[in-house]
Amino acid sequence: MAGFDTALVLGLVVGPFLSLIVGLVTKASWSGAVKGILLAALAAADGFIVSWQQAAEAGAAFDWKTAFLVALGAFIAAHTTHGAIWKTTGATAAVQRTLVKDRLDLAA
């Protein structure tokens, strides 16, 4: 691992906001499992980008361990902040209503 650097810090800082990004691109009616899989995919992408950036700057080989650890840290940070902050303050519900909306049932 290359050590403590800006790419690692930014990779982990992005983590708490990943659940809000998931809320922007999903419908409120979608299951928690689908949203969780999307969150895991975004965290994996975050880890991959951080590890790739580190390898490119250092001129070294891509480090899968760093990618995995950053992805895991980002996922844990996203899941924790979702339950502790975003959901309790109503930010999740507000974000969920912005881009992708459920269709209204006109028959009801």
PDB file of N, CA and C in Angstrom:
ATOM      1  N   MET A   1       0.852  -1.161   0.000  1.00  0.00           N
ATOM      2  CA  MET A   1       0.000   0.000   0.000  1.00  0.00           C
ATOM      3  C   MET A   1       0.902   1.228   0.000  1.00  0.00           C
ATOM      4  N   ALA A   2       0.484   2.269  -0.692  1.00  0.00           N
ATOM      5  CA  ALA A   2       1.313   3.446  -0.894  1.00  0.00           C
ATOM      6  C   ALA A   2       1.404   4.332   0.334  1.00  0.00           C
ATOM      7  N   GLY A   3       0.558   4.147   1.320  1.00  0.00           N
ATOM      8  CA  GLY A   3       0.596   4.982   2.512  1.00  0.00           C
ATOM      9  C   GLY A   3      -0.542   5.974   2.538  1.00  0.00           C
ATOM     10  N   PHE A   4      -0.468   6.865   3.493  1.00  0.00           N
ATOM     11  CA  PHE A   4      -1.517   7.852   3.704  1.00  0.00           C
ATOM     12  C   PHE A   4      -1.377   8.954   2.667  1.00  0.00           C
ATOM     13  N   ASP A   5      -2.396   9.138   1.816  1.00  0.00           N
ATOM     14  CA  ASP A   5      -2.338  10.200   0.832  1.00  0.00           C
ATOM     15  C   ASP A   5      -3.728  10.762   0.536  1.00  0.00           C
ATOM     16  N   THR A   6      -3.754  11.769  -0.291  1.00  0.00           N
ATOM     17  CA  THR A   6      -4.992  12.488  -0.594  1.00  0.00           C
ATOM     18  C   THR A   6      -6.032  11.594  -1.248  1.00  0.00           C
ATOM     19  N   ALA A   7      -5.630  10.710  -2.146  1.00  0.00           N
ATOM     20  CA  ALA A   7      -6.579   9.840  -2.840  1.00  0.00           C
ATOM     21  C   ALA A   7      -7.332   8.951  -1.857  1.00  0.00           C
ATOM     22  N   LEU A   8      -6.622   8.414  -0.875  1.00  0.00           N
ATOM     23  CA  LEU A   8      -7.278   7.574   0.132  1.00  0.00           C
ATOM     24  C   LEU A   8      -8.270   8.379   0.962  1.00  0.00           C
ATOM     25  N   VAL A   9      -7.872   9.559   1.368  1.00  0.00           N
ATOM     26  CA  VAL A   9      -8.755  10.399   2.172  1.00  0.00           C
ATOM     27  C   VAL A   9     -10.002  10.763   1.375  1.00  0.00           C
ATOM     28  N   LEU A  10      -9.825  11.178   0.130  1.00  0.00           N
ATOM     29  CA  LEU A  10     -10.976  11.524  -0.701  1.00  0.00           C
ATOM     30  C   LEU A  10     -11.880  10.319  -0.948  1.00  0.00           C
ATOM     31  N   GLY A  11     -11.281   9.160  -1.115  1.00  0.00           N
ATOM     32  CA  GLY A  11     -12.069   7.946  -1.310  1.00  0.00           C
ATOM     33  C   GLY A  11     -12.962   7.643  -0.126  1.00  0.00           C
ATOM     34  N   LEU A  12     -12.461   7.892   1.074  1.00  0.00           N
ATOM     35  CA  LEU A  12     -13.263   7.633   2.269  1.00  0.00           C
ATOM     36  C   LEU A  12     -14.225   8.781   2.577  1.00  0.00           C
ATOM     37  N   VAL A  13     -13.889   9.991   2.156  1.00  0.00           N
ATOM     38  CA  VAL A  13     -14.790  11.127   2.358  1.00  0.00           C
ATOM     39  C   VAL A  13     -16.021  11.000   1.461  1.00  0.00           C
ATOM     40  N   VAL A  14     -15.850  10.414   0.305  1.00  0.00           N
ATOM     41  CA  VAL A  14     -16.968  10.219  -0.627  1.00  0.00           C
ATOM     42  C   VAL A  14     -17.971   9.221  -0.052  1.00  0.00           C
ATOM     43  N   GLY A  15     -17.520   8.270   0.714  1.00  0.00           N
ATOM     44  CA  GLY A  15     -18.353   7.196   1.251  1.00  0.00           C
ATOM     45  C   GLY A  15     -19.657   7.620   1.888  1.00  0.00           C
ATOM     46  N   PRO A  16     -19.658   8.559   2.822  1.00  0.00           N
ATOM     47  CA  PRO A  16     -20.915   8.932   3.472  1.00  0.00           C
ATOM     48  C   PRO A  16     -21.975   9.488   2.523  1.00  0.00           C
ATOM     49  N   PHE A  17     -21.553   9.974   1.375  1.00  0.00           N
ATOM     50  CA  PHE A  17     -22.503  10.567   0.435  1.00  0.00           C
ATOM     51  C   PHE A  17     -22.998   9.584  -0.626  1.00  0.00           C
ATOM     52  N   LEU A  18     -22.448   8.366  -0.638  1.00  0.00           N
ATOM     53  CA  LEU A  18     -22.869   7.382  -1.627  1.00  0.00           C
ATOM     54  C   LEU A  18     -24.332   6.996  -1.465  1.00  0.00           C
ATOM     55  N   SER A  19     -24.828   6.925  -0.236  1.00  0.00           N
ATOM     56  CA  SER A  19     -26.233   6.558  -0.047  1.00  0.00           C
ATOM     57  C   SER A  19     -27.160   7.637  -0.586  1.00  0.00           C
ATOM     58  N   LEU A  20     -26.733   8.895  -0.542  1.00  0.00           N
ATOM     59  CA  LEU A  20     -27.544   9.962  -1.137  1.00  0.00           C
ATOM     60  C   LEU A  20     -27.547   9.850  -2.661  1.00  0.00           C
ATOM     61  N   ILE A  21     -26.427   9.448  -3.235  1.00  0.00           N
ATOM     62  CA  ILE A  21     -26.358   9.245  -4.678  1.00  0.00           C
ATOM     63  C   ILE A  21     -27.284   8.105  -5.085  1.00  0.00           C
ATOM     64  N   VAL A  22     -27.299   7.044  -4.291  1.00  0.00           N
ATOM     65  CA  VAL A  22     -28.224   5.934  -4.559  1.00  0.00           C
ATOM     66  C   VAL A  22     -29.661   6.440  -4.515  1.00  0.00           C
ATOM     67  N   GLY A  23     -29.979   7.298  -3.560  1.00  0.00           N
ATOM     68  CA  GLY A  23     -31.321   7.867  -3.465  1.00  0.00           C
ATOM     69  C   GLY A  23     -31.689   8.706  -4.667  1.00  0.00           C
ATOM     70  N   LEU A  24     -30.712   9.358  -5.262  1.00  0.00           N
ATOM     71  CA  LEU A  24     -30.982  10.184  -6.434  1.00  0.00           C
ATOM     72  C   LEU A  24     -31.354   9.362  -7.663  1.00  0.00           C
ATOM     73  N   VAL A  25     -30.769   8.180  -7.795  1.00  0.00           N
ATOM     74  CA  VAL A  25     -30.944   7.412  -9.031  1.00  0.00           C
ATOM     75  C   VAL A  25     -31.889   6.222  -8.890  1.00  0.00           C
ATOM     76  N   THR A  26     -32.541   6.077  -7.744  1.00  0.00           N
ATOM     77  CA  THR A  26     -33.492   4.973  -7.562  1.00  0.00           C
ATOM     78  C   THR A  26     -34.866   5.509  -7.206  1.00  0.00           C
ATOM     79  N   LYS A  27     -35.854   4.650  -7.361  1.00  0.00           N
ATOM     80  CA  LYS A  27     -37.221   5.005  -6.982  1.00  0.00           C
ATOM     81  C   LYS A  27     -37.456   4.627  -5.526  1.00  0.00           C
ATOM     82  N   ALA A  28     -38.354   5.339  -4.878  1.00  0.00           N
ATOM     83  CA  ALA A  28     -38.653   5.067  -3.467  1.00  0.00           C
ATOM     84  C   ALA A  28     -39.235   3.670  -3.271  1.00  0.00           C
ATOM     85  N   SER A  29     -39.936   3.170  -4.284  1.00  0.00           N
ATOM     86  CA  SER A  29     -40.591   1.869  -4.154  1.00  0.00           C
ATOM     87  C   SER A  29     -39.635   0.692  -4.345  1.00  0.00           C
ATOM     88  N   TRP A  30     -38.431   0.917  -4.795  1.00  0.00           N
ATOM     89  CA  TRP A  30     -37.490  -0.172  -4.999  1.00  0.00           C
ATOM     90  C   TRP A  30     -37.095  -0.776  -3.657  1.00  0.00           C
ATOM     91  N   SER A  31     -36.792  -2.044  -3.681  1.00  0.00           N
ATOM     92  CA  SER A  31     -36.458  -2.740  -2.437  1.00  0.00           C
ATOM     93  C   SER A  31     -35.113  -2.287  -1.889  1.00  0.00           C
ATOM     94  N   GLY A  32     -34.952  -2.501  -0.607  1.00  0.00           N
ATOM     95  CA  GLY A  32     -33.695  -2.177   0.044  1.00  0.00           C
ATOM     96  C   GLY A  32     -32.539  -3.008  -0.478  1.00  0.00           C
ATOM     97  N   ALA A  33     -32.832  -4.224  -0.931  1.00  0.00           N
ATOM     98  CA  ALA A  33     -31.784  -5.090  -1.466  1.00  0.00           C
ATOM     99  C   ALA A  33     -31.193  -4.508  -2.753  1.00  0.00           C
ATOM    100  N   VAL A  34     -32.050  -4.005  -3.624  1.00  0.00           N
ATOM    101  CA  VAL A  34     -31.572  -3.401  -4.877  1.00  0.00           C
ATOM    102  C   VAL A  34     -30.730  -2.169  -4.571  1.00  0.00           C
ATOM    103  N   LYS A  35     -31.205  -1.352  -3.649  1.00  0.00           N
ATOM    104  CA  LYS A  35     -30.463  -0.146  -3.271  1.00  0.00           C
ATOM    105  C   LYS A  35     -29.132  -0.519  -2.615  1.00  0.00           C
ATOM    106  N   GLY A  36     -29.125  -1.584  -1.821  1.00  0.00           N
ATOM    107  CA  GLY A  36     -27.889  -2.045  -1.190  1.00  0.00           C
ATOM    108  C   GLY A  36     -26.875  -2.556  -2.197  1.00  0.00           C
ATOM    109  N   ILE A  37     -27.351  -3.256  -3.221  1.00  0.00           N
ATOM    110  CA  ILE A  37     -26.452  -3.747  -4.272  1.00  0.00           C
ATOM    111  C   ILE A  37     -25.866  -2.574  -5.049  1.00  0.00           C
ATOM    112  N   LEU A  38     -26.698  -1.586  -5.348  1.00  0.00           N
ATOM    113  CA  LEU A  38     -26.199  -0.396  -6.035  1.00  0.00           C
ATOM    114  C   LEU A  38     -25.187   0.347  -5.171  1.00  0.00           C
ATOM    115  N   LEU A  39     -25.452   0.427  -3.875  1.00  0.00           N
ATOM    116  CA  LEU A  39     -24.511   1.067  -2.954  1.00  0.00           C
ATOM    117  C   LEU A  39     -23.180   0.319  -2.932  1.00  0.00           C
ATOM    118  N   ALA A  40     -23.225  -0.993  -2.911  1.00  0.00           N
ATOM    119  CA  ALA A  40     -22.000  -1.796  -2.928  1.00  0.00           C
ATOM    120  C   ALA A  40     -21.231  -1.588  -4.233  1.00  0.00           C
ATOM    121  N   ALA A  41     -21.949  -1.480  -5.346  1.00  0.00           N
ATOM    122  CA  ALA A  41     -21.297  -1.251  -6.634  1.00  0.00           C
ATOM    123  C   ALA A  41     -20.623   0.123  -6.675  1.00  0.00           C
ATOM    124  N   LEU A  42     -21.293   1.141  -6.129  1.00  0.00           N
ATOM    125  CA  LEU A  42     -20.688   2.475  -6.082  1.00  0.00           C
ATOM    126  C   LEU A  42     -19.466   2.498  -5.169  1.00  0.00           C
ATOM    127  N   ALA A  43     -19.535   1.790  -4.050  1.00  0.00           N
ATOM    128  CA  ALA A  43     -18.390   1.713  -3.143  1.00  0.00           C
ATOM    129  C   ALA A  43     -17.227   0.986  -3.816  1.00  0.00           C
ATOM    130  N   ALA A  44     -17.528  -0.067  -4.573  1.00  0.00           N
ATOM    131  CA  ALA A  44     -16.479  -0.789  -5.299  1.00  0.00           C
ATOM    132  C   ALA A  44     -15.838   0.106  -6.353  1.00  0.00           C
ATOM    133  N   ALA A  45     -16.650   0.902  -7.042  1.00  0.00           N
ATOM    134  CA  ALA A  45     -16.114   1.838  -8.029  1.00  0.00           C
ATOM    135  C   ALA A  45     -15.226   2.880  -7.355  1.00  0.00           C
ATOM    136  N   ASP A  46     -15.639   3.342  -6.195  1.00  0.00           N
ATOM    137  CA  ASP A  46     -14.843   4.297  -5.427  1.00  0.00           C
ATOM    138  C   ASP A  46     -13.485   3.689  -5.073  1.00  0.00           C
ATOM    139  N   GLY A  47     -13.489   2.467  -4.578  1.00  0.00           N
ATOM    140  CA  GLY A  47     -12.241   1.791  -4.235  1.00  0.00           C
ATOM    141  C   GLY A  47     -11.350   1.571  -5.435  1.00  0.00           C
ATOM    142  N   PHE A  48     -11.938   1.192  -6.561  1.00  0.00           N
ATOM    143  CA  PHE A  48     -11.172   0.967  -7.785  1.00  0.00           C
ATOM    144  C   PHE A  48     -10.522   2.267  -8.256  1.00  0.00           C
ATOM    145  N   ILE A  49     -11.294   3.368  -8.254  1.00  0.00           N
ATOM    146  CA  ILE A  49     -10.765   4.652  -8.725  1.00  0.00           C
ATOM    147  C   ILE A  49      -9.623   5.132  -7.838  1.00  0.00           C
ATOM    148  N   VAL A  50      -9.776   4.994  -6.527  1.00  0.00           N
ATOM    149  CA  VAL A  50      -8.722   5.421  -5.607  1.00  0.00           C
ATOM    150  C   VAL A  50      -7.457   4.604  -5.825  1.00  0.00           C
ATOM    151  N   SER A  51      -7.592   3.294  -5.928  1.00  0.00           N
ATOM    152  CA  SER A  51      -6.423   2.444  -6.113  1.00  0.00           C
ATOM    153  C   SER A  51      -5.761   2.691  -7.466  1.00  0.00           C
ATOM    154  N   TRP A  52      -6.568   2.889  -8.478  1.00  0.00           N
ATOM    155  CA  TRP A  52      -6.035   3.188  -9.809  1.00  0.00           C
ATOM    156  C   TRP A  52      -5.269   4.510  -9.802  1.00  0.00           C
ATOM    157  N   GLN A  53      -5.839   5.529  -9.142  1.00  0.00           N
ATOM    158  CA  GLN A  53      -5.181   6.836  -9.046  1.00  0.00           C
ATOM    159  C   GLN A  53      -3.842   6.726  -8.317  1.00  0.00           C
ATOM    160  N   GLN A  54      -3.819   5.960  -7.234  1.00  0.00           N
ATOM    161  CA  GLN A  54      -2.570   5.772  -6.498  1.00  0.00           C
ATOM    162  C   GLN A  54      -1.516   5.098  -7.362  1.00  0.00           C
ATOM    163  N   ALA A  55      -1.917   4.059  -8.076  1.00  0.00           N
ATOM    164  CA  ALA A  55      -0.972   3.331  -8.924  1.00  0.00           C
ATOM    165  C   ALA A  55      -0.458   4.223 -10.052  1.00  0.00           C
ATOM    166  N   ALA A  56      -1.336   5.035 -10.630  1.00  0.00           N
ATOM    167  CA  ALA A  56      -0.924   5.911 -11.721  1.00  0.00           C
ATOM    168  C   ALA A  56       0.064   6.970 -11.238  1.00  0.00           C
ATOM    169  N   GLU A  57      -0.176   7.538 -10.060  1.00  0.00           N
ATOM    170  CA  GLU A  57       0.725   8.559  -9.521  1.00  0.00           C
ATOM    171  C   GLU A  57       2.081   7.987  -9.136  1.00  0.00           C
ATOM    172  N   ALA A  58       2.069   6.767  -8.595  1.00  0.00           N
ATOM    173  CA  ALA A  58       3.323   6.159  -8.128  1.00  0.00           C
ATOM    174  C   ALA A  58       4.052   5.394  -9.225  1.00  0.00           C
ATOM    175  N   GLY A  59       3.391   5.177 -10.363  1.00  0.00           N
ATOM    176  CA  GLY A  59       3.999   4.378 -11.418  1.00  0.00           C
ATOM    177  C   GLY A  59       4.130   2.927 -11.013  1.00  0.00           C
ATOM    178  N   ALA A  60       3.220   2.467 -10.158  1.00  0.00           N
ATOM    179  CA  ALA A  60       3.270   1.099  -9.629  1.00  0.00           C
ATOM    180  C   ALA A  60       2.107   0.279 -10.183  1.00  0.00           C
ATOM    181  N   ALA A  61       2.093  -0.966  -9.807  1.00  0.00           N
ATOM    182  CA  ALA A  61       1.010  -1.865 -10.218  1.00  0.00           C
ATOM    183  C   ALA A  61      -0.256  -1.571  -9.408  1.00  0.00           C
ATOM    184  N   PHE A  62      -1.392  -1.872 -10.010  1.00  0.00           N
ATOM    185  CA  PHE A  62      -2.681  -1.706  -9.349  1.00  0.00           C
ATOM    186  C   PHE A  62      -2.739  -2.601  -8.116  1.00  0.00           C
ATOM    187  N   ASP A  63      -3.195  -2.057  -6.995  1.00  0.00           N
ATOM    188  CA  ASP A  63      -3.230  -2.799  -5.736  1.00  0.00           C
ATOM    189  C   ASP A  63      -4.677  -3.149  -5.389  1.00  0.00           C
ATOM    190  N   TRP A  64      -5.033  -4.430  -5.538  1.00  0.00           N
ATOM    191  CA  TRP A  64      -6.408  -4.869  -5.249  1.00  0.00           C
ATOM    192  C   TRP A  64      -6.751  -4.767  -3.774  1.00  0.00           C
ATOM    193  N   LYS A  65      -5.737  -4.937  -2.909  1.00  0.00           N
ATOM    194  CA  LYS A  65      -5.993  -4.835  -1.465  1.00  0.00           C
ATOM    195  C   LYS A  65      -6.440  -3.424  -1.086  1.00  0.00           C
ATOM    196  N   THR A  66      -5.790  -2.424  -1.647  1.00  0.00           N
ATOM    197  CA  THR A  66      -6.195  -1.045  -1.386  1.00  0.00           C
ATOM    198  C   THR A  66      -7.590  -0.786  -1.929  1.00  0.00           C
ATOM    199  N   ALA A  67      -7.865  -1.270  -3.122  1.00  0.00           N
ATOM    200  CA  ALA A  67      -9.190  -1.094  -3.723  1.00  0.00           C
ATOM    201  C   ALA A  67     -10.255  -1.721  -2.838  1.00  0.00           C
ATOM    202  N   PHE A  68     -10.002  -2.922  -2.344  1.00  0.00           N
ATOM    203  CA  PHE A  68     -10.971  -3.606  -1.488  1.00  0.00           C
ATOM    204  C   PHE A  68     -11.176  -2.867  -0.171  1.00  0.00           C
ATOM    205  N   LEU A  69     -10.083  -2.439   0.450  1.00  0.00           N
ATOM    206  CA  LEU A  69     -10.189  -1.759   1.747  1.00  0.00           C
ATOM    207  C   LEU A  69     -10.902  -0.412   1.639  1.00  0.00           C
ATOM    208  N   VAL A  70     -10.629   0.345   0.584  1.00  0.00           N
ATOM    209  CA  VAL A  70     -11.324   1.617   0.392  1.00  0.00           C
ATOM    210  C   VAL A  70     -12.790   1.369   0.084  1.00  0.00           C
ATOM    211  N   ALA A  71     -13.088   0.365  -0.732  1.00  0.00           N
ATOM    212  CA  ALA A  71     -14.479   0.038  -1.041  1.00  0.00           C
ATOM    213  C   ALA A  71     -15.226  -0.390   0.219  1.00  0.00           C
ATOM    214  N   LEU A  72     -14.593  -1.200   1.038  1.00  0.00           N
ATOM    215  CA  LEU A  72     -15.221  -1.634   2.285  1.00  0.00           C
ATOM    216  C   LEU A  72     -15.446  -0.452   3.224  1.00  0.00           C
ATOM    217  N   GLY A  73     -14.446   0.403   3.362  1.00  0.00           N
ATOM    218  CA  GLY A  73     -14.587   1.584   4.210  1.00  0.00           C
ATOM    219  C   GLY A  73     -15.670   2.522   3.708  1.00  0.00           C
ATOM    220  N   ALA A  74     -15.742   2.721   2.394  1.00  0.00           N
ATOM    221  CA  ALA A  74     -16.766   3.594   1.815  1.00  0.00           C
ATOM    222  C   ALA A  74     -18.158   3.006   2.024  1.00  0.00           C
ATOM    223  N   PHE A  75     -18.290   1.683   1.868  1.00  0.00           N
ATOM    224  CA  PHE A  75     -19.589   1.037   2.068  1.00  0.00           C
ATOM    225  C   PHE A  75     -20.042   1.152   3.523  1.00  0.00           C
ATOM    226  N   ILE A  76     -19.134   0.899   4.447  1.00  0.00           N
ATOM    227  CA  ILE A  76     -19.477   1.002   5.870  1.00  0.00           C
ATOM    228  C   ILE A  76     -19.838   2.437   6.230  1.00  0.00           C
ATOM    229  N   ALA A  77     -19.074   3.397   5.723  1.00  0.00           N
ATOM    230  CA  ALA A  77     -19.360   4.808   5.998  1.00  0.00           C
ATOM    231  C   ALA A  77     -20.712   5.202   5.418  1.00  0.00           C
ATOM    232  N   ALA A  78     -21.009   4.745   4.203  1.00  0.00           N
ATOM    233  CA  ALA A  78     -22.288   5.080   3.563  1.00  0.00           C
ATOM    234  C   ALA A  78     -23.454   4.469   4.327  1.00  0.00           C
ATOM    235  N   HIS A  79     -23.330   3.222   4.694  1.00  0.00           N
ATOM    236  CA  HIS A  79     -24.410   2.538   5.403  1.00  0.00           C
ATOM    237  C   HIS A  79     -24.631   3.143   6.792  1.00  0.00           C
ATOM    238  N   THR A  80     -23.558   3.452   7.469  1.00  0.00           N
ATOM    239  CA  THR A  80     -23.662   4.017   8.815  1.00  0.00           C
ATOM    240  C   THR A  80     -24.273   5.415   8.793  1.00  0.00           C
ATOM    241  N   THR A  81     -23.793   6.270   7.906  1.00  0.00           N
ATOM    242  CA  THR A  81     -24.336   7.625   7.852  1.00  0.00           C
ATOM    243  C   THR A  81     -25.767   7.644   7.340  1.00  0.00           C
ATOM    244  N   HIS A  82     -26.109   6.682   6.507  1.00  0.00           N
ATOM    245  CA  HIS A  82     -27.498   6.610   6.048  1.00  0.00           C
ATOM    246  C   HIS A  82     -28.438   6.381   7.225  1.00  0.00           C
ATOM    247  N   GLY A  83     -28.110   5.391   8.046  1.00  0.00           N
ATOM    248  CA  GLY A  83     -28.971   5.069   9.184  1.00  0.00           C
ATOM    249  C   GLY A  83     -28.911   6.097  10.305  1.00  0.00           C
ATOM    250  N   ALA A  84     -27.739   6.663  10.534  1.00  0.00           N
ATOM    251  CA  ALA A  84     -27.569   7.569  11.667  1.00  0.00           C
ATOM    252  C   ALA A  84     -27.900   9.024  11.355  1.00  0.00           C
ATOM    253  N   ILE A  85     -27.659   9.461  10.127  1.00  0.00           N
ATOM    254  CA  ILE A  85     -27.838  10.876   9.818  1.00  0.00           C
ATOM    255  C   ILE A  85     -28.887  11.113   8.728  1.00  0.00           C
ATOM    256  N   TRP A  86     -28.642  10.564   7.531  1.00  0.00           N
ATOM    257  CA  TRP A  86     -29.496  10.911   6.391  1.00  0.00           C
ATOM    258  C   TRP A  86     -30.945  10.486   6.581  1.00  0.00           C
ATOM    259  N   LYS A  87     -31.175   9.305   7.083  1.00  0.00           N
ATOM    260  CA  LYS A  87     -32.549   8.815   7.250  1.00  0.00           C
ATOM    261  C   LYS A  87     -33.266   9.544   8.389  1.00  0.00           C
ATOM    262  N   THR A  88     -32.571   9.785   9.484  1.00  0.00           N
ATOM    263  CA  THR A  88     -33.213  10.411  10.641  1.00  0.00           C
ATOM    264  C   THR A  88     -33.506  11.895  10.424  1.00  0.00           C
ATOM    265  N   THR A  89     -32.708  12.570   9.604  1.00  0.00           N
ATOM    266  CA  THR A  89     -32.945  13.987   9.340  1.00  0.00           C
ATOM    267  C   THR A  89     -33.901  14.223   8.183  1.00  0.00           C
ATOM    268  N   GLY A  90     -34.258  13.180   7.470  1.00  0.00           N
ATOM    269  CA  GLY A  90     -35.165  13.315   6.334  1.00  0.00           C
ATOM    270  C   GLY A  90     -34.469  13.604   5.016  1.00  0.00           C
ATOM    271  N   ALA A  91     -33.139  13.628   5.026  1.00  0.00           N
ATOM    272  CA  ALA A  91     -32.388  13.899   3.795  1.00  0.00           C
ATOM    273  C   ALA A  91     -32.598  12.803   2.762  1.00  0.00           C
ATOM    274  N   THR A  92     -32.689  11.553   3.201  1.00  0.00           N
ATOM    275  CA  THR A  92     -32.905  10.449   2.272  1.00  0.00           C
ATOM    276  C   THR A  92     -34.237  10.600   1.550  1.00  0.00           C
ATOM    277  N   ALA A  93     -35.285  10.908   2.287  1.00  0.00           N
ATOM    278  CA  ALA A  93     -36.604  11.075   1.672  1.00  0.00           C
ATOM    279  C   ALA A  93     -36.618  12.263   0.721  1.00  0.00           C
ATOM    280  N   ALA A  94     -35.954  13.345   1.081  1.00  0.00           N
ATOM    281  CA  ALA A  94     -35.909  14.530   0.221  1.00  0.00           C
ATOM    282  C   ALA A  94     -35.162  14.246  -1.075  1.00  0.00           C
ATOM    283  N   VAL A  95     -34.037  13.551  -0.966  1.00  0.00           N
ATOM    284  CA  VAL A  95     -33.255  13.211  -2.151  1.00  0.00           C
ATOM    285  C   VAL A  95     -34.026  12.227  -3.026  1.00  0.00           C
ATOM    286  N   GLN A  96     -34.726  11.304  -2.390  1.00  0.00           N
ATOM    287  CA  GLN A  96     -35.471  10.279  -3.128  1.00  0.00           C
ATOM    288  C   GLN A  96     -36.559  10.906  -4.001  1.00  0.00           C
ATOM    289  N   ARG A  97     -37.055  12.068  -3.639  1.00  0.00           N
ATOM    290  CA  ARG A  97     -38.124  12.720  -4.396  1.00  0.00           C
ATOM    291  C   ARG A  97     -37.627  13.604  -5.532  1.00  0.00           C
ATOM    292  N   THR A  98     -36.324  13.716  -5.735  1.00  0.00           N
ATOM    293  CA  THR A  98     -35.832  14.702  -6.689  1.00  0.00           C
ATOM    294  C   THR A  98     -35.744  14.220  -8.127  1.00  0.00           C
ATOM    295  N   LEU A  99     -34.954  13.216  -8.444  1.00  0.00           N
ATOM    296  CA  LEU A  99     -34.734  12.849  -9.853  1.00  0.00           C
ATOM    297  C   LEU A  99     -35.677  11.777 -10.365  1.00  0.00           C
ATOM    298  N   VAL A 100     -35.557  10.570  -9.860  1.00  0.00           N
ATOM    299  CA  VAL A 100     -36.319   9.430 -10.355  1.00  0.00           C
ATOM    300  C   VAL A 100     -37.536   9.245  -9.464  1.00  0.00           C
ATOM    301  N   LYS A 101     -38.711   9.423 -10.048  1.00  0.00           N
ATOM    302  CA  LYS A 101     -39.934   9.365  -9.241  1.00  0.00           C
ATOM    303  C   LYS A 101     -40.769   8.156  -9.621  1.00  0.00           C
ATOM    304  N   ASP A 102     -41.524   7.654  -8.637  1.00  0.00           N
ATOM    305  CA  ASP A 102     -42.481   6.590  -8.904  1.00  0.00           C
ATOM    306  C   ASP A 102     -43.671   7.164  -9.644  1.00  0.00           C
ATOM    307  N   ARG A 103     -44.255   6.369 -10.520  1.00  0.00           N
ATOM    308  CA  ARG A 103     -45.465   6.807 -11.206  1.00  0.00           C
ATOM    309  C   ARG A 103     -46.619   6.805 -10.230  1.00  0.00           C
ATOM    310  N   LEU A 104     -47.505   7.740 -10.398  1.00  0.00           N
ATOM    311  CA  LEU A 104     -48.697   7.778  -9.552  1.00  0.00           C
ATOM    312  C   LEU A 104     -49.707   6.768 -10.064  1.00  0.00           C
ATOM    313  N   ASP A 105     -50.370   6.101  -9.151  1.00  0.00           N
ATOM    314  CA  ASP A 105     -51.394   5.143  -9.541  1.00  0.00           C
ATOM    315  C   ASP A 105     -52.701   5.905  -9.748  1.00  0.00           C
ATOM    316  N   LEU A 106     -53.053   6.134 -11.002  1.00  0.00           N
ATOM    317  CA  LEU A 106     -54.241   6.914 -11.314  1.00  0.00           C
ATOM    318  C   LEU A 106     -55.527   6.124 -11.120  1.00  0.00           C
ATOM    319  N   ALA A 107     -55.425   4.806 -11.001  1.00  0.00           N
ATOM    320  CA  ALA A 107     -56.615   3.977 -10.816  1.00  0.00           C
ATOM    321  C   ALA A 107     -57.117   4.053  -9.384  1.00  0.00           C
ATOM    322  N   ALA A 108     -56.301   4.432  -8.467  1.00  0.00           N
ATOM    323  CA  ALA A 108     -56.683   4.454  -7.050  1.00  0.00           C
ATOM    324  C   ALA A 108     -57.507   5.656  -6.700  1.00  0.00           C
TER     325      ALA A 108
END
